[in-house]
Amino acid sequence: METSENDKITPEEAVEILKKRGLEVTIEQAKLILDFLCKLADITIAQYIVKPP
């Protein structure tokens, strides 16, 4: 699945979003969170697209 860079949330944006919700994270932590969420989304989508035999 391809997305353009404009569709992605940057780590800096994630820090600001989380800060508004009362959770303070570093840029590095935000990068890890975003990487995890992308992997989780890919796995979830794959489960719906790929049907077991």
PDB file of N, CA and C in Angstrom:
ATOM      1  N   MET A   1       0.840  -1.176   0.000  1.00  0.00           N
ATOM      2  CA  MET A   1       0.000   0.000   0.000  1.00  0.00           C
ATOM      3  C   MET A   1       0.880   1.232   0.000  1.00  0.00           C
ATOM      4  N   GLU A   2       0.688   2.078  -0.993  1.00  0.00           N
ATOM      5  CA  GLU A   2       1.508   3.265  -1.091  1.00  0.00           C
ATOM      6  C   GLU A   2       0.734   4.489  -0.635  1.00  0.00           C
ATOM      7  N   THR A   3       1.406   5.345   0.104  1.00  0.00           N
ATOM      8  CA  THR A   3       0.823   6.617   0.506  1.00  0.00           C
ATOM      9  C   THR A   3       1.835   7.699   0.210  1.00  0.00           C
ATOM     10  N   SER A   4       1.341   8.887  -0.021  1.00  0.00           N
ATOM     11  CA  SER A   4       2.257   9.991  -0.239  1.00  0.00           C
ATOM     12  C   SER A   4       2.700  10.534   1.111  1.00  0.00           C
ATOM     13  N   GLU A   5       3.785  11.262   1.100  1.00  0.00           N
ATOM     14  CA  GLU A   5       4.302  11.821   2.348  1.00  0.00           C
ATOM     15  C   GLU A   5       3.299  12.788   2.969  1.00  0.00           C
ATOM     16  N   ASN A   6       2.435  13.388   2.161  1.00  0.00           N
ATOM     17  CA  ASN A   6       1.444  14.327   2.688  1.00  0.00           C
ATOM     18  C   ASN A   6       0.374  13.631   3.514  1.00  0.00           C
ATOM     19  N   ASP A   7       0.219  12.314   3.340  1.00  0.00           N
ATOM     20  CA  ASP A   7      -0.804  11.563   4.062  1.00  0.00           C
ATOM     21  C   ASP A   7      -0.330  11.090   5.423  1.00  0.00           C
ATOM     22  N   LYS A   8       0.936  11.229   5.701  1.00  0.00           N
ATOM     23  CA  LYS A   8       1.497  10.685   6.935  1.00  0.00           C
ATOM     24  C   LYS A   8       1.589  11.755   8.017  1.00  0.00           C
ATOM     25  N   ILE A   9       1.408  11.320   9.251  1.00  0.00           N
ATOM     26  CA  ILE A   9       1.592  12.201  10.391  1.00  0.00           C
ATOM     27  C   ILE A   9       3.073  12.183  10.747  1.00  0.00           C
ATOM     28  N   THR A  10       3.665  13.336  10.903  1.00  0.00           N
ATOM     29  CA  THR A  10       5.073  13.407  11.281  1.00  0.00           C
ATOM     30  C   THR A  10       5.206  13.164  12.780  1.00  0.00           C
ATOM     31  N   PRO A  11       6.395  12.768  13.216  1.00  0.00           N
ATOM     32  CA  PRO A  11       6.604  12.594  14.652  1.00  0.00           C
ATOM     33  C   PRO A  11       6.323  13.883  15.438  1.00  0.00           C
ATOM     34  N   GLU A  12       6.661  15.004  14.839  1.00  0.00           N
ATOM     35  CA  GLU A  12       6.414  16.284  15.498  1.00  0.00           C
ATOM     36  C   GLU A  12       4.910  16.529  15.680  1.00  0.00           C
ATOM     37  N   GLU A  13       4.132  16.190  14.654  1.00  0.00           N
ATOM     38  CA  GLU A  13       2.671  16.331  14.759  1.00  0.00           C
ATOM     39  C   GLU A  13       2.116  15.375  15.808  1.00  0.00           C
ATOM     40  N   ALA A  14       2.659  14.167  15.852  1.00  0.00           N
ATOM     41  CA  ALA A  14       2.207  13.181  16.837  1.00  0.00           C
ATOM     42  C   ALA A  14       2.484  13.672  18.256  1.00  0.00           C
ATOM     43  N   VAL A  15       3.650  14.276  18.467  1.00  0.00           N
ATOM     44  CA  VAL A  15       3.986  14.818  19.787  1.00  0.00           C
ATOM     45  C   VAL A  15       2.959  15.872  20.187  1.00  0.00           C
ATOM     46  N   GLU A  16       2.612  16.752  19.261  1.00  0.00           N
ATOM     47  CA  GLU A  16       1.642  17.811  19.567  1.00  0.00           C
ATOM     48  C   GLU A  16       0.245  17.243  19.837  1.00  0.00           C
ATOM     49  N   ILE A  17      -0.165  16.278  19.036  1.00  0.00           N
ATOM     50  CA  ILE A  17      -1.482  15.651  19.224  1.00  0.00           C
ATOM     51  C   ILE A  17      -1.552  14.977  20.588  1.00  0.00           C
ATOM     52  N   LEU A  18      -0.523  14.216  20.918  1.00  0.00           N
ATOM     53  CA  LEU A  18      -0.504  13.513  22.201  1.00  0.00           C
ATOM     54  C   LEU A  18      -0.410  14.485  23.376  1.00  0.00           C
ATOM     55  N   LYS A  19       0.334  15.566  23.184  1.00  0.00           N
ATOM     56  CA  LYS A  19       0.468  16.572  24.240  1.00  0.00           C
ATOM     57  C   LYS A  19      -0.887  17.196  24.564  1.00  0.00           C
ATOM     58  N   LYS A  20      -1.698  17.447  23.529  1.00  0.00           N
ATOM     59  CA  LYS A  20      -3.039  18.005  23.729  1.00  0.00           C
ATOM     60  C   LYS A  20      -3.917  17.053  24.533  1.00  0.00           C
ATOM     61  N   ARG A  21      -3.614  15.763  24.450  1.00  0.00           N
ATOM     62  CA  ARG A  21      -4.381  14.736  25.169  1.00  0.00           C
ATOM     63  C   ARG A  21      -3.775  14.414  26.537  1.00  0.00           C
ATOM     64  N   GLY A  22      -2.719  15.164  26.911  1.00  0.00           N
ATOM     65  CA  GLY A  22      -2.131  14.989  28.232  1.00  0.00           C
ATOM     66  C   GLY A  22      -1.017  13.973  28.319  1.00  0.00           C
ATOM     67  N   LEU A  23      -0.474  13.556  27.164  1.00  0.00           N
ATOM     68  CA  LEU A  23       0.598  12.557  27.160  1.00  0.00           C
ATOM     69  C   LEU A  23       1.836  13.169  26.516  1.00  0.00           C
ATOM     70  N   GLU A  24       2.893  13.297  27.289  1.00  0.00           N
ATOM     71  CA  GLU A  24       4.122  13.881  26.755  1.00  0.00           C
ATOM     72  C   GLU A  24       5.084  12.781  26.336  1.00  0.00           C
ATOM     73  N   VAL A  25       5.494  12.840  25.072  1.00  0.00           N
ATOM     74  CA  VAL A  25       6.453  11.879  24.526  1.00  0.00           C
ATOM     75  C   VAL A  25       7.541  12.639  23.778  1.00  0.00           C
ATOM     76  N   THR A  26       8.685  11.993  23.616  1.00  0.00           N
ATOM     77  CA  THR A  26       9.777  12.587  22.851  1.00  0.00           C
ATOM     78  C   THR A  26       9.557  12.302  21.365  1.00  0.00           C
ATOM     79  N   ILE A  27      10.335  12.957  20.537  1.00  0.00           N
ATOM     80  CA  ILE A  27      10.278  12.711  19.089  1.00  0.00           C
ATOM     81  C   ILE A  27      10.610  11.252  18.794  1.00  0.00           C
ATOM     82  N   GLU A  28      11.623  10.710  19.472  1.00  0.00           N
ATOM     83  CA  GLU A  28      12.004   9.305  19.260  1.00  0.00           C
ATOM     84  C   GLU A  28      10.862   8.368  19.644  1.00  0.00           C
ATOM     85  N   GLN A  29      10.213   8.638  20.750  1.00  0.00           N
ATOM     86  CA  GLN A  29       9.081   7.811  21.173  1.00  0.00           C
ATOM     87  C   GLN A  29       7.942   7.921  20.156  1.00  0.00           C
ATOM     88  N   ALA A  30       7.715   9.128  19.654  1.00  0.00           N
ATOM     89  CA  ALA A  30       6.664   9.327  18.656  1.00  0.00           C
ATOM     90  C   ALA A  30       6.971   8.536  17.384  1.00  0.00           C
ATOM     91  N   LYS A  31       8.243   8.494  16.991  1.00  0.00           N
ATOM     92  CA  LYS A  31       8.636   7.709  15.813  1.00  0.00           C
ATOM     93  C   LYS A  31       8.321   6.231  16.026  1.00  0.00           C
ATOM     94  N   LEU A  32       8.645   5.728  17.210  1.00  0.00           N
ATOM     95  CA  LEU A  32       8.369   4.320  17.520  1.00  0.00           C
ATOM     96  C   LEU A  32       6.863   4.041  17.529  1.00  0.00           C
ATOM     97  N   ILE A  33       6.103   4.943  18.102  1.00  0.00           N
ATOM     98  CA  ILE A  33       4.640   4.783  18.143  1.00  0.00           C
ATOM     99  C   ILE A  33       4.075   4.754  16.734  1.00  0.00           C
ATOM    100  N   LEU A  34       4.512   5.683  15.884  1.00  0.00           N
ATOM    101  CA  LEU A  34       4.008   5.741  14.509  1.00  0.00           C
ATOM    102  C   LEU A  34       4.414   4.505  13.712  1.00  0.00           C
ATOM    103  N   ASP A  35       5.639   4.028  13.905  1.00  0.00           N
ATOM    104  CA  ASP A  35       6.082   2.795  13.230  1.00  0.00           C
ATOM    105  C   ASP A  35       5.212   1.613  13.644  1.00  0.00           C
ATOM    106  N   PHE A  36       4.947   1.513  14.943  1.00  0.00           N
ATOM    107  CA  PHE A  36       4.104   0.433  15.448  1.00  0.00           C
ATOM    108  C   PHE A  36       2.696   0.508  14.864  1.00  0.00           C
ATOM    109  N   LEU A  37       2.129   1.698  14.834  1.00  0.00           N
ATOM    110  CA  LEU A  37       0.770   1.854  14.304  1.00  0.00           C
ATOM    111  C   LEU A  37       0.698   1.514  12.817  1.00  0.00           C
ATOM    112  N   CYS A  38       1.750   1.863  12.070  1.00  0.00           N
ATOM    113  CA  CYS A  38       1.781   1.510  10.641  1.00  0.00           C
ATOM    114  C   CYS A  38       1.843  -0.004  10.456  1.00  0.00           C
ATOM    115  N   LYS A  39       2.659  -0.674  11.252  1.00  0.00           N
ATOM    116  CA  LYS A  39       2.753  -2.139  11.173  1.00  0.00           C
ATOM    117  C   LYS A  39       1.428  -2.789  11.570  1.00  0.00           C
ATOM    118  N   LEU A  40       0.812  -2.272  12.614  1.00  0.00           N
ATOM    119  CA  LEU A  40      -0.474  -2.793  13.059  1.00  0.00           C
ATOM    120  C   LEU A  40      -1.540  -2.608  11.980  1.00  0.00           C
ATOM    121  N   ALA A  41      -1.544  -1.457  11.339  1.00  0.00           N
ATOM    122  CA  ALA A  41      -2.498  -1.204  10.259  1.00  0.00           C
ATOM    123  C   ALA A  41      -2.260  -2.154   9.085  1.00  0.00           C
ATOM    124  N   ASP A  42      -0.992  -2.362   8.718  1.00  0.00           N
ATOM    125  CA  ASP A  42      -0.663  -3.278   7.622  1.00  0.00           C
ATOM    126  C   ASP A  42      -1.132  -4.702   7.932  1.00  0.00           C
ATOM    127  N   ILE A  43      -0.915  -5.151   9.158  1.00  0.00           N
ATOM    128  CA  ILE A  43      -1.338  -6.497   9.560  1.00  0.00           C
ATOM    129  C   ILE A  43      -2.857  -6.612   9.506  1.00  0.00           C
ATOM    130  N   THR A  44      -3.536  -5.610  10.018  1.00  0.00           N
ATOM    131  CA  THR A  44      -5.001  -5.624  10.037  1.00  0.00           C
ATOM    132  C   THR A  44      -5.562  -5.652   8.621  1.00  0.00           C
ATOM    133  N   ILE A  45      -5.021  -4.832   7.752  1.00  0.00           N
ATOM    134  CA  ILE A  45      -5.485  -4.799   6.361  1.00  0.00           C
ATOM    135  C   ILE A  45      -5.206  -6.122   5.672  1.00  0.00           C
ATOM    136  N   ALA A  46      -4.028  -6.685   5.909  1.00  0.00           N
ATOM    137  CA  ALA A  46      -3.663  -7.953   5.288  1.00  0.00           C
ATOM    138  C   ALA A  46      -4.622  -9.058   5.704  1.00  0.00           C
ATOM    139  N   GLN A  47      -5.091  -9.034   6.935  1.00  0.00           N
ATOM    140  CA  GLN A  47      -6.017 -10.050   7.410  1.00  0.00           C
ATOM    141  C   GLN A  47      -7.367  -9.985   6.676  1.00  0.00           C
ATOM    142  N   TYR A  48      -7.765  -8.812   6.283  1.00  0.00           N
ATOM    143  CA  TYR A  48      -9.028  -8.664   5.574  1.00  0.00           C
ATOM    144  C   TYR A  48      -8.884  -8.949   4.080  1.00  0.00           C
ATOM    145  N   ILE A  49      -7.690  -8.699   3.532  1.00  0.00           N
ATOM    146  CA  ILE A  49      -7.480  -8.911   2.105  1.00  0.00           C
ATOM    147  C   ILE A  49      -7.127 -10.353   1.791  1.00  0.00           C
ATOM    148  N   VAL A  50      -6.232 -10.930   2.576  1.00  0.00           N
ATOM    149  CA  VAL A  50      -5.772 -12.298   2.353  1.00  0.00           C
ATOM    150  C   VAL A  50      -6.686 -13.256   3.115  1.00  0.00           C
ATOM    151  N   LYS A  51      -7.343 -14.113   2.384  1.00  0.00           N
ATOM    152  CA  LYS A  51      -8.236 -15.083   3.015  1.00  0.00           C
ATOM    153  C   LYS A  51      -7.497 -16.398   3.204  1.00  0.00           C
ATOM    154  N   PRO A  52      -7.628 -17.002   4.371  1.00  0.00           N
ATOM    155  CA  PRO A  52      -6.949 -18.279   4.600  1.00  0.00           C
ATOM    156  C   PRO A  52      -7.539 -19.376   3.701  1.00  0.00           C
ATOM    157  N   PRO A  53      -6.720 -20.385   3.363  1.00  0.00           N
ATOM    158  CA  PRO A  53      -7.199 -21.448   2.464  1.00  0.00           C
ATOM    159  C   PRO A  53      -8.266 -22.319   3.094  1.00  0.00           C
TER     160      PRO A  53
END
